[in-house]
């Protein structure tokens, strides 16, 4: 049994912690049912009381918590007893120490790579404050003002998630609506009061839920430098000093044309997902759903090509050594490769779409592929690449067979039709990539001879003036509505 001056509390998740009965509210998650640990913790409590009594401070015992970590297990009589600690101020929502402390030891500070100002430090300490309330829910007083503050945060976050494509909110609009609905139950949970001896008399489930959500939003404020000069307002933008833009390696540049430039799109998406090594579970889930749909489509298309090749190979009279049949065999191999890769990747990454609140799968993926985005970009594009090569070899087989089997009119018709289709495909590809604006139909349509210099009104000039005005107004509204091209860089 623990000493009478310690009250056991049970976290809603099941963890055990203790609250000390005394002038100061002291929390610990050390296992005090062990007499040796209890003796060490009691010694630490006496030391803390002695230090607080000698300090000429204005600390309010009703608003300050003291947390003692489990003492050193290797302690002996020849060495002084060591025990980690921190203090919590509920009025300012911060944690602090009675000794000098290196802020770089806090994991949140390590993740952002440094701090910019005192306000940024306050944001980091507020995140640690909510972490404390999440671990020790009895420390939090659940008030109507606090619940209304959370509601206001959720309302804005849901609006931003619905209206801003580059939002930095870490949750989807549906998840935010569910959180907002839970706050209605929190209002009925508790207007609890807190004592100085045995913790807080509140609904700990609601207190834990509120503290956890507030901790997640506080973490995002730290990651995106809220209130700082270099605040990130779009998740696709970096707040760190801009260097040379990342480019694909020489290997990517060499093999990319053979892969129909498909890895470049995945490489761009992957780098955008992990901008500044910050993961958005919403973006991650959306990306995984997109590639899963792509892999399913490629598997379907490859299956159709495979069936078509089987039909061609089943035509009687084909020689096994003919060029057409060899091309069909190659097409079958690529089709099978597309199907196998699509099924394998779908099976591997489909479970990661289930995680709708945390970024655990994305974090695991980042640890695996950080620094190897190019390899994963190539891997993710293989079902599409194999399907395209299978299609090319199948078309080659079809054209060869048409030329070998058909008569002259048939050959001319097929070759003419194939040439027209290839030309249309070339125009579509060049137009999609924006590489041939000169060949655009609309660009050719605008190339007219200069207007006549007779006394007739210059209709062409009037039309161009109207077009220019419309284009200028569109550019203006794009600048007003669209996200900035880049955020201001800052030394962190």
Protein backbone atom coordinates (compact mmCIF):
# COMPACT_ATOMS: atom_id res chain seq x y z
CA UNK A 1 0.00 0.00 0.00
CA UNK A 2 1.10 3.55 -0.73
CA UNK A 3 1.49 6.03 2.11
CA UNK A 4 -1.59 7.84 3.38
CA UNK A 5 -0.36 11.16 1.98
CA UNK A 6 -0.55 9.85 -1.59
CA UNK A 7 -3.86 9.39 -3.44
CA UNK A 8 -3.92 6.95 -6.38
CA UNK A 9 -5.61 8.11 -9.60
CA UNK A 10 -6.47 6.12 -12.68
CA UNK A 11 -6.03 7.64 -16.12
CA UNK A 12 -8.95 6.97 -18.53
CA UNK A 13 -6.54 4.89 -20.62
CA UNK A 14 -5.69 2.82 -17.54
CA UNK A 15 -2.34 4.22 -16.38
CA UNK A 16 -1.77 4.69 -12.65
CA UNK A 17 -0.47 7.90 -11.11
CA UNK A 18 -0.47 9.47 -7.65
CA UNK A 19 -1.28 12.90 -6.22
CA UNK A 20 0.34 14.08 -2.98
CA UNK A 21 -1.79 15.50 -0.17
CA UNK A 22 -0.12 18.60 1.15
CA UNK A 23 0.32 22.33 0.73
CA UNK A 24 1.49 21.73 -2.85
CA UNK A 25 -0.19 19.49 -5.38
CA UNK A 26 2.49 17.00 -6.48
CA UNK A 27 1.98 14.44 -9.25
CA UNK A 28 4.07 11.40 -10.06
CA UNK A 29 3.68 8.32 -12.23
CA UNK A 30 6.23 6.37 -10.20
CA UNK A 31 4.95 3.09 -8.79
CA UNK A 32 4.55 4.05 -5.13
CA UNK A 33 3.30 0.63 -4.07
CA UNK A 34 6.98 -0.31 -4.09
CA UNK A 35 8.38 0.71 -0.70
CA UNK A 36 11.83 1.52 -2.08
CA UNK A 37 10.44 3.83 -4.76
CA UNK A 38 8.04 5.41 -2.23
CA UNK A 39 10.90 6.18 0.12
CA UNK A 40 12.90 7.88 -2.64
CA UNK A 41 9.92 9.91 -3.86
CA UNK A 42 9.11 11.06 -0.32
CA UNK A 43 12.71 12.22 0.04
CA UNK A 44 12.36 14.19 -3.20
CA UNK A 45 9.11 15.74 -1.94
CA UNK A 46 10.83 16.93 1.23
CA UNK A 47 13.63 18.44 -0.85
CA UNK A 48 11.15 20.25 -3.11
CA UNK A 49 9.24 21.59 -0.10
CA UNK A 50 12.49 22.84 1.39
CA UNK A 51 13.46 24.64 -1.81
CA UNK A 52 10.03 26.22 -2.20
CA UNK A 53 10.02 27.41 1.40
CA UNK A 54 13.41 29.11 1.01
CA UNK A 55 12.41 30.82 -2.23
CA UNK A 56 10.81 34.21 -1.89
CA UNK A 57 8.28 33.46 -4.60
CA UNK A 58 4.71 34.43 -5.29
CA UNK A 59 3.68 31.00 -6.53
CA UNK A 60 0.07 30.13 -5.86
CA UNK A 61 -0.26 26.59 -4.56
CA UNK A 62 -3.74 26.37 -6.07
CA UNK A 63 -2.48 27.19 -9.57
CA UNK A 64 0.91 25.45 -9.62
CA UNK A 65 1.52 21.72 -9.99
CA UNK A 66 4.75 19.89 -9.26
CA UNK A 67 5.59 16.74 -11.18
CA UNK A 68 8.24 14.32 -9.94
CA UNK A 69 9.63 11.70 -12.27
CA UNK A 70 10.74 8.31 -11.01
CA UNK A 71 14.03 8.61 -9.08
CA UNK A 72 17.25 7.05 -10.28
CA UNK A 73 17.20 3.28 -9.68
CA UNK A 74 21.00 3.08 -9.32
CA UNK A 75 21.01 5.36 -6.30
CA UNK A 76 23.08 4.27 -3.32
CA UNK A 77 24.04 5.83 -0.01
CA UNK A 78 27.29 7.24 -1.38
CA UNK A 79 25.66 9.21 -4.21
CA UNK A 80 23.07 11.99 -3.90
CA UNK A 81 19.53 11.14 -4.85
CA UNK A 82 18.51 12.48 -8.26
CA UNK A 83 14.97 12.93 -9.48
CA UNK A 84 13.61 14.74 -12.52
CA UNK A 85 10.91 17.34 -12.04
CA UNK A 86 9.06 20.27 -13.56
CA UNK A 87 6.49 22.78 -12.36
CA UNK A 88 3.24 23.71 -14.07
CA UNK A 89 1.54 27.11 -13.98
CA UNK A 90 -2.13 26.83 -14.93
CA UNK A 91 -2.68 30.58 -15.17
CA UNK A 92 -0.03 31.11 -17.85
CA UNK A 93 -0.33 27.59 -19.31
CA UNK A 94 3.36 26.87 -19.14
CA UNK A 95 5.89 24.65 -17.45
CA UNK A 96 9.04 25.89 -15.71
CA UNK A 97 11.88 24.83 -13.44
CA UNK A 98 13.66 26.11 -10.36
CA UNK A 99 17.02 25.43 -12.04
CA UNK A 100 18.51 26.26 -15.40
CA UNK A 101 17.15 24.05 -18.13
CA UNK A 102 18.26 23.52 -21.73
CA UNK A 103 15.25 24.04 -23.96
CA UNK A 104 16.85 21.90 -26.67
CA UNK A 105 16.10 18.82 -24.55
CA UNK A 106 12.39 19.19 -25.34
CA UNK A 107 11.47 17.05 -28.33
CA UNK A 108 9.18 19.72 -29.78
CA UNK A 109 12.07 22.18 -29.90
CA UNK A 110 14.30 19.61 -31.58
CA UNK A 111 11.72 18.95 -34.27
CA UNK A 112 11.40 22.58 -35.42
CA UNK A 113 15.17 23.03 -35.51
CA UNK A 114 15.30 25.99 -33.13
CA UNK A 115 13.25 28.91 -31.85
CA UNK A 116 12.72 32.40 -33.19
CA UNK A 117 11.55 34.47 -30.24
CA UNK A 118 10.19 34.41 -26.72
CA UNK A 119 6.67 33.99 -28.07
CA UNK A 120 7.80 30.87 -29.92
CA UNK A 121 9.25 29.52 -26.67
CA UNK A 122 5.92 30.24 -24.99
CA UNK A 123 4.17 28.19 -27.67
CA UNK A 124 6.54 25.28 -27.05
CA UNK A 125 5.98 25.43 -23.29
CA UNK A 126 2.21 25.66 -23.79
CA UNK A 127 2.38 22.47 -25.85
CA UNK A 128 4.19 20.80 -22.94
CA UNK A 129 1.54 22.16 -20.57
CA UNK A 130 -1.25 20.44 -22.48
CA UNK A 131 0.86 17.28 -22.60
CA UNK A 132 1.00 17.44 -18.80
CA UNK A 133 -2.80 17.77 -18.60
CA UNK A 134 -3.16 14.82 -20.96
CA UNK A 135 -0.96 12.62 -18.76
CA UNK A 136 -2.44 13.88 -15.47
CA UNK A 137 -6.09 14.80 -16.26
CA UNK A 138 -6.83 15.41 -12.59
CA UNK A 139 -4.71 18.55 -12.85
CA UNK A 140 -7.09 20.27 -15.29
CA UNK A 141 -10.10 22.28 -14.23
CA UNK A 142 -12.78 21.80 -16.87
CA UNK A 143 -14.48 25.19 -17.18
CA UNK A 144 -17.04 26.54 -19.63
CA UNK A 145 -14.53 29.17 -20.80
CA UNK A 146 -12.01 26.48 -21.69
CA UNK A 147 -14.62 24.47 -23.58
CA UNK A 148 -15.73 27.57 -25.51
CA UNK A 149 -12.10 28.25 -26.42
CA UNK A 150 -11.78 24.75 -27.85
CA UNK A 151 -15.06 25.19 -29.76
CA UNK A 152 -13.79 28.41 -31.30
CA UNK A 153 -10.58 26.69 -32.42
CA UNK A 154 -12.53 23.80 -33.94
CA UNK A 155 -14.98 26.10 -35.76
CA UNK A 156 -12.20 28.05 -37.44
CA UNK A 157 -10.22 24.89 -38.21
CA UNK A 158 -13.23 23.26 -39.88
CA UNK A 159 -13.84 26.40 -41.94
CA UNK A 160 -10.20 26.60 -42.99
CA UNK A 161 -10.13 22.91 -43.89
CA UNK A 162 -13.19 23.41 -46.11
CA UNK A 163 -12.11 26.63 -47.82
CA UNK A 164 -8.32 26.49 -48.06
CA UNK A 165 -6.64 23.78 -50.19
CA UNK A 166 -3.27 24.47 -48.56
CA UNK A 167 -4.52 24.57 -44.99
CA UNK A 168 -2.09 23.72 -42.19
CA UNK A 169 -4.88 22.23 -40.07
CA UNK A 170 -3.85 18.64 -39.23
CA UNK A 171 -7.37 17.18 -39.45
CA UNK A 172 -10.01 16.76 -42.12
CA UNK A 173 -13.26 18.70 -42.00
CA UNK A 174 -15.20 15.53 -41.08
CA UNK A 175 -12.90 14.80 -38.14
CA UNK A 176 -13.22 18.40 -36.94
CA UNK A 177 -17.03 18.18 -37.09
CA UNK A 178 -16.87 15.04 -34.93
CA UNK A 179 -14.62 16.80 -32.42
CA UNK A 180 -16.98 19.75 -32.36
CA UNK A 181 -19.88 17.43 -31.57
CA UNK A 182 -17.94 15.98 -28.63
CA UNK A 183 -17.60 19.40 -27.03
CA UNK A 184 -21.36 19.42 -26.44
CA UNK A 185 -20.89 16.43 -24.12
CA UNK A 186 -18.00 18.18 -22.38
CA UNK A 187 -20.32 21.03 -21.39
CA UNK A 188 -22.42 18.57 -19.40
CA UNK A 189 -19.38 16.82 -17.94
CA UNK A 190 -18.21 19.13 -15.62
CA UNK A 191 -18.15 22.27 -13.84
CA UNK A 192 -15.72 20.47 -11.54
CA UNK A 193 -13.76 22.01 -8.72
CA UNK A 194 -10.16 21.35 -7.87
CA UNK A 195 -8.75 20.86 -4.35
CA UNK A 196 -5.24 21.33 -3.04
CA UNK A 197 -4.98 17.89 -1.47
CA UNK A 198 -6.41 15.19 -3.67
CA UNK A 199 -6.41 16.53 -7.20
CA UNK A 200 -9.42 17.63 -9.19
CA UNK A 201 -13.01 16.48 -8.95
CA UNK A 202 -13.88 16.50 -12.64
CA UNK A 203 -14.89 14.10 -15.38
CA UNK A 204 -11.43 12.86 -16.28
CA UNK A 205 -12.50 11.48 -19.64
CA UNK A 206 -13.64 14.89 -20.85
CA UNK A 207 -10.61 16.57 -19.30
CA UNK A 208 -8.26 14.15 -21.05
CA UNK A 209 -10.07 14.61 -24.37
CA UNK A 210 -9.91 18.39 -24.17
CA UNK A 211 -6.24 18.39 -23.15
CA UNK A 212 -5.28 16.02 -25.95
CA UNK A 213 -6.99 18.04 -28.67
CA UNK A 214 -5.55 21.28 -27.31
CA UNK A 215 -2.11 19.63 -27.25
CA UNK A 216 -2.41 18.66 -30.93
CA UNK A 217 -3.37 22.18 -31.97
CA UNK A 218 -0.61 23.65 -29.80
CA UNK A 219 1.85 21.35 -31.54
CA UNK A 220 0.74 22.67 -34.93
CA UNK A 221 1.18 26.26 -33.75
CA UNK A 222 4.77 25.42 -32.86
CA UNK A 223 5.47 23.60 -36.13
CA UNK A 224 4.08 26.40 -38.28
CA UNK A 225 5.59 29.28 -36.25
CA UNK A 226 2.30 30.97 -35.42
CA UNK A 227 2.73 34.61 -34.53
CA UNK A 228 6.25 34.76 -35.96
CA UNK A 229 7.62 36.65 -38.94
CA UNK A 230 8.07 33.43 -40.92
CA UNK A 231 4.70 31.88 -40.08
CA UNK A 232 3.72 29.12 -42.47
CA UNK A 233 0.27 29.84 -43.92
CA UNK A 234 0.35 27.13 -46.59
CA UNK A 235 1.54 23.58 -45.91
CA UNK A 236 3.26 23.36 -49.30
CA UNK A 237 5.62 26.23 -48.46
CA UNK A 238 8.83 26.11 -46.44
CA UNK A 239 9.65 28.60 -43.70
CA UNK A 240 13.35 27.86 -43.76
CA UNK A 241 15.93 29.78 -45.83
CA UNK A 242 15.42 28.96 -49.48
CA UNK A 243 18.32 27.12 -51.07
CA UNK A 244 18.57 25.59 -54.48
CA UNK A 245 15.33 23.78 -55.34
CA UNK A 246 15.63 20.00 -55.03
CA UNK A 247 16.14 18.35 -58.35
CA UNK A 248 16.16 14.73 -59.39
CA UNK A 249 19.52 13.04 -59.66
CA UNK A 250 21.30 12.19 -62.88
CA UNK A 251 19.89 8.68 -62.75
CA UNK A 252 16.35 10.03 -62.61
CA UNK A 253 17.05 12.35 -65.55
CA UNK A 254 18.35 9.45 -67.64
CA UNK A 255 15.62 6.91 -67.01
CA UNK A 256 12.70 9.31 -66.66
CA UNK A 257 11.96 9.43 -70.43
CA UNK A 258 11.85 5.63 -70.47
CA UNK A 259 9.33 5.81 -67.63
CA UNK A 260 7.18 8.42 -69.42
CA UNK A 261 8.17 11.02 -66.78
CA UNK A 262 5.75 9.33 -64.37
CA UNK A 263 8.19 9.34 -61.40
CA UNK A 264 8.48 13.13 -61.57
CA UNK A 265 4.87 13.57 -60.51
CA UNK A 266 5.23 11.17 -57.58
CA UNK A 267 8.52 12.78 -56.60
CA UNK A 268 6.90 16.21 -56.52
CA UNK A 269 3.99 14.90 -54.45
CA UNK A 270 6.25 13.11 -51.95
CA UNK A 271 8.41 16.17 -51.40
CA UNK A 272 5.30 18.27 -50.93
CA UNK A 273 3.91 15.81 -48.39
CA UNK A 274 7.02 16.04 -46.20
CA UNK A 275 7.72 19.76 -46.54
CA UNK A 276 10.16 20.71 -43.75
CA UNK A 277 9.73 17.11 -42.49
CA UNK A 278 6.27 17.94 -41.17
CA UNK A 279 3.59 15.38 -41.94
CA UNK A 280 -0.07 16.15 -42.58
CA UNK A 281 -2.22 13.08 -42.10
CA UNK A 282 -4.92 14.64 -44.30
CA UNK A 283 -2.51 15.11 -47.21
CA UNK A 284 -0.97 11.69 -46.63
CA UNK A 285 -4.35 9.95 -46.67
CA UNK A 286 -5.43 11.86 -49.78
CA UNK A 287 -2.21 10.93 -51.57
CA UNK A 288 -2.46 7.24 -50.64
CA UNK A 289 -6.08 7.15 -51.81
CA UNK A 290 -5.02 8.73 -55.11
CA UNK A 291 -2.23 6.25 -55.80
CA UNK A 292 -4.44 3.33 -54.75
CA UNK A 293 -7.02 4.41 -57.31
CA UNK A 294 -4.28 4.76 -59.92
CA UNK A 295 -2.91 1.28 -59.20
CA UNK A 296 -6.39 -0.24 -59.42
CA UNK A 297 -6.99 1.43 -62.77
CA UNK A 298 -3.62 0.29 -64.13
CA UNK A 299 -4.37 -3.26 -63.00
CA UNK A 300 -7.68 -3.15 -64.86
CA UNK A 301 -6.15 -1.72 -68.03
CA UNK A 302 -3.30 -4.23 -67.94
CA UNK A 303 -5.84 -7.05 -67.59
CA UNK A 304 -7.65 -5.85 -70.70
CA UNK A 305 -4.40 -5.67 -72.66
CA UNK A 306 -3.49 -9.15 -71.43
CA UNK A 307 -6.80 -10.53 -72.70
CA UNK A 308 -6.29 -8.82 -76.05
CA UNK A 309 -2.82 -10.34 -76.40
CA UNK A 310 -4.16 -13.77 -75.54
CA UNK A 311 -6.71 -13.34 -78.31
CA UNK A 312 -4.02 -12.36 -80.82
CA UNK A 313 -1.80 -15.28 -79.84
CA UNK A 314 -4.76 -17.64 -80.26
CA UNK A 315 -5.21 -16.69 -83.93
CA UNK A 316 -4.40 -19.82 -85.97
CA UNK A 317 -1.59 -19.61 -88.47
CA UNK A 318 0.71 -17.34 -86.43
CA UNK A 319 4.30 -18.49 -86.36
CA UNK A 320 6.03 -18.51 -82.99
CA UNK A 321 9.07 -16.83 -84.51
CA UNK A 322 7.20 -13.93 -86.12
CA UNK A 323 8.00 -10.38 -85.03
CA UNK A 324 4.34 -9.74 -84.21
CA UNK A 325 4.16 -12.73 -81.91
CA UNK A 326 7.41 -11.80 -80.16
CA UNK A 327 6.06 -8.29 -79.62
CA UNK A 328 2.88 -9.78 -78.19
CA UNK A 329 4.91 -11.91 -75.77
CA UNK A 330 6.72 -8.80 -74.55
CA UNK A 331 3.38 -7.03 -74.13
CA UNK A 332 2.09 -9.94 -72.05
CA UNK A 333 5.16 -9.75 -69.79
CA UNK A 334 4.69 -6.02 -69.18
CA UNK A 335 0.95 -6.51 -68.56
CA UNK A 336 1.67 -9.20 -65.98
CA UNK A 337 4.29 -6.95 -64.38
CA UNK A 338 1.76 -4.11 -64.12
CA UNK A 339 -0.84 -6.39 -62.54
CA UNK A 340 1.61 -7.91 -60.05
CA UNK A 341 3.09 -4.54 -59.01
CA UNK A 342 -0.37 -2.97 -58.71
CA UNK A 343 -1.65 -5.78 -56.49
CA UNK A 344 1.50 -5.79 -54.35
CA UNK A 345 1.52 -2.02 -53.76
CA UNK A 346 -2.23 -1.93 -53.11
CA UNK A 347 -1.95 -4.65 -50.49
CA UNK A 348 0.98 -2.95 -48.78
CA UNK A 349 -0.42 0.59 -48.57
CA UNK A 350 -4.18 0.04 -48.37
CA UNK A 351 -4.24 -0.33 -44.52
CA UNK A 352 -2.62 3.10 -44.17
CA UNK A 353 -5.78 4.85 -45.35
CA UNK A 354 -7.63 3.60 -42.27
CA UNK A 355 -5.66 5.80 -39.85
CA UNK A 356 -7.81 8.92 -39.99
CA UNK A 357 -6.58 10.91 -36.98
CA UNK A 358 -2.88 10.33 -36.42
CA UNK A 359 -0.02 10.49 -38.86
CA UNK A 360 1.52 7.24 -37.64
CA UNK A 361 1.67 5.48 -41.04
CA UNK A 362 3.02 8.64 -42.66
CA UNK A 363 5.67 8.94 -39.96
CA UNK A 364 6.71 5.34 -40.51
CA UNK A 365 6.88 5.89 -44.26
CA UNK A 366 8.95 9.04 -43.78
CA UNK A 367 11.50 7.18 -41.68
CA UNK A 368 11.81 4.55 -44.42
CA UNK A 369 12.06 6.75 -47.49
CA UNK A 370 13.60 9.98 -46.18
CA UNK A 371 16.45 10.67 -48.56
CA UNK A 372 15.17 8.01 -50.99
CA UNK A 373 12.17 9.79 -52.46
CA UNK A 374 13.40 9.11 -56.00
CA UNK A 375 13.42 5.35 -55.46
CA UNK A 376 9.89 5.41 -54.04
CA UNK A 377 8.71 7.70 -56.85
CA UNK A 378 9.94 5.14 -59.39
CA UNK A 379 8.38 2.28 -57.41
CA UNK A 380 4.98 3.97 -57.23
CA UNK A 381 4.99 4.67 -60.98
CA UNK A 382 5.87 1.11 -62.09
CA UNK A 383 2.26 -0.13 -62.56
CA UNK A 384 1.60 2.79 -64.92
CA UNK A 385 4.95 2.41 -66.71
CA UNK A 386 4.52 -1.33 -67.27
CA UNK A 387 0.98 -0.80 -68.52
CA UNK A 388 2.14 1.86 -71.01
CA UNK A 389 4.93 -0.35 -72.37
CA UNK A 390 2.47 -3.23 -72.64
CA UNK A 391 0.14 -0.97 -74.61
CA UNK A 392 2.95 0.15 -76.93
CA UNK A 393 4.03 -3.42 -77.71
CA UNK A 394 0.42 -4.47 -78.20
CA UNK A 395 -0.12 -1.66 -80.72
CA UNK A 396 3.11 -2.69 -82.42
CA UNK A 397 1.81 -6.25 -82.67
CA UNK A 398 -1.49 -5.06 -84.08
CA UNK A 399 0.10 -2.84 -86.74
CA UNK A 400 2.58 -5.53 -87.82
CA UNK A 401 -0.18 -8.09 -88.17
CA UNK A 402 -2.35 -5.63 -90.10
CA UNK A 403 0.49 -4.93 -92.54
CA UNK A 404 1.40 -8.60 -92.96
CA UNK A 405 -2.11 -9.98 -93.35
CA UNK A 406 -4.11 -7.23 -95.06
CA UNK A 407 -4.09 -6.18 -98.72
CA UNK A 408 -3.00 -2.77 -99.99
CA UNK A 409 -6.27 -0.86 -99.30
CA UNK A 410 -6.45 -2.38 -95.84
CA UNK A 411 -2.85 -1.42 -95.11
CA UNK A 412 -3.37 2.14 -96.34
CA UNK A 413 -6.53 2.57 -94.27
CA UNK A 414 -4.97 1.20 -91.10
CA UNK A 415 -1.74 3.18 -91.46
CA UNK A 416 -3.63 6.40 -92.21
CA UNK A 417 -5.90 5.92 -89.21
CA UNK A 418 -2.98 5.01 -86.95
CA UNK A 419 -1.02 8.06 -88.10
CA UNK A 420 -3.97 10.36 -87.40
CA UNK A 421 -4.47 8.86 -83.97
CA UNK A 422 -0.76 9.13 -83.11
CA UNK A 423 -0.79 12.76 -84.22
CA UNK A 424 -3.82 13.46 -82.03
CA UNK A 425 -2.14 11.73 -79.08
CA UNK A 426 1.03 13.78 -79.65
CA UNK A 427 -0.96 17.02 -79.64
CA UNK A 428 -2.78 15.95 -76.46
CA UNK A 429 0.47 15.04 -74.69
CA UNK A 430 2.26 18.21 -75.73
CA UNK A 431 -0.75 20.30 -74.80
CA UNK A 432 -1.07 18.65 -71.39
CA UNK A 433 2.57 19.33 -70.56
CA UNK A 434 2.43 22.85 -71.98
CA UNK A 435 5.47 22.39 -74.19
CA UNK A 436 3.98 23.55 -77.49
CA UNK A 437 1.96 26.72 -77.00
CA UNK A 438 2.79 27.72 -80.60
CA UNK A 439 0.80 24.78 -81.91
CA UNK A 440 -2.27 25.61 -79.86
CA UNK A 441 -5.43 26.02 -81.90
CA UNK A 442 -6.38 29.12 -79.95
CA UNK A 443 -2.94 30.63 -80.46
CA UNK A 444 -3.22 30.04 -84.22
CA UNK A 445 -6.70 31.50 -84.22
CA UNK A 446 -5.47 34.74 -82.66
CA UNK A 447 -2.81 35.21 -85.37
CA UNK A 448 -4.64 37.46 -87.79
CA UNK A 449 -3.30 40.08 -90.19
CA UNK A 450 -3.22 43.67 -88.88
CA UNK A 451 -6.44 45.64 -89.14
CA UNK A 452 -7.11 47.84 -92.13
CA UNK A 453 -5.99 51.46 -91.93
CA UNK A 454 -9.13 52.72 -93.65
CA UNK A 455 -11.67 54.89 -91.93
CA UNK A 456 -13.56 51.86 -90.61
CA UNK A 457 -13.39 51.18 -86.88
CA UNK A 458 -10.52 48.92 -85.83
CA UNK A 459 -12.57 46.02 -84.48
CA UNK A 460 -9.48 43.86 -84.00
CA UNK A 461 -7.81 46.43 -81.75
CA UNK A 462 -10.98 46.79 -79.71
CA UNK A 463 -11.23 43.04 -79.30
CA UNK A 464 -7.58 42.75 -78.22
CA UNK A 465 -8.08 45.56 -75.71
CA UNK A 466 -11.05 43.76 -74.18
CA UNK A 467 -9.12 40.49 -74.05
CA UNK A 468 -6.16 42.20 -72.39
CA UNK A 469 -8.45 43.81 -69.82
CA UNK A 470 -10.10 40.47 -69.03
CA UNK A 471 -6.72 38.77 -68.69
CA UNK A 472 -5.44 41.55 -66.44
CA UNK A 473 -8.51 41.30 -64.21
CA UNK A 474 -8.08 37.51 -63.97
CA UNK A 475 -4.43 37.90 -63.00
CA UNK A 476 -5.42 40.46 -60.37
CA UNK A 477 -8.01 38.21 -58.76
CA UNK A 478 -5.64 35.23 -58.89
CA UNK A 479 -3.10 37.28 -56.98
CA UNK A 480 -5.75 38.34 -54.46
CA UNK A 481 -7.22 34.90 -53.95
CA UNK A 482 -4.37 32.51 -54.57
CA UNK A 483 -1.70 31.46 -52.06
CA UNK A 484 1.63 33.31 -52.06
CA UNK A 485 4.35 31.91 -54.28
CA UNK A 486 6.72 31.56 -51.36
CA UNK A 487 6.74 32.38 -47.68
CA UNK A 488 9.34 34.71 -46.22
CA UNK A 489 12.43 32.81 -45.21
CA UNK A 490 13.80 32.99 -41.72
CA UNK A 491 16.86 31.75 -39.92
CA UNK A 492 15.81 29.06 -37.52
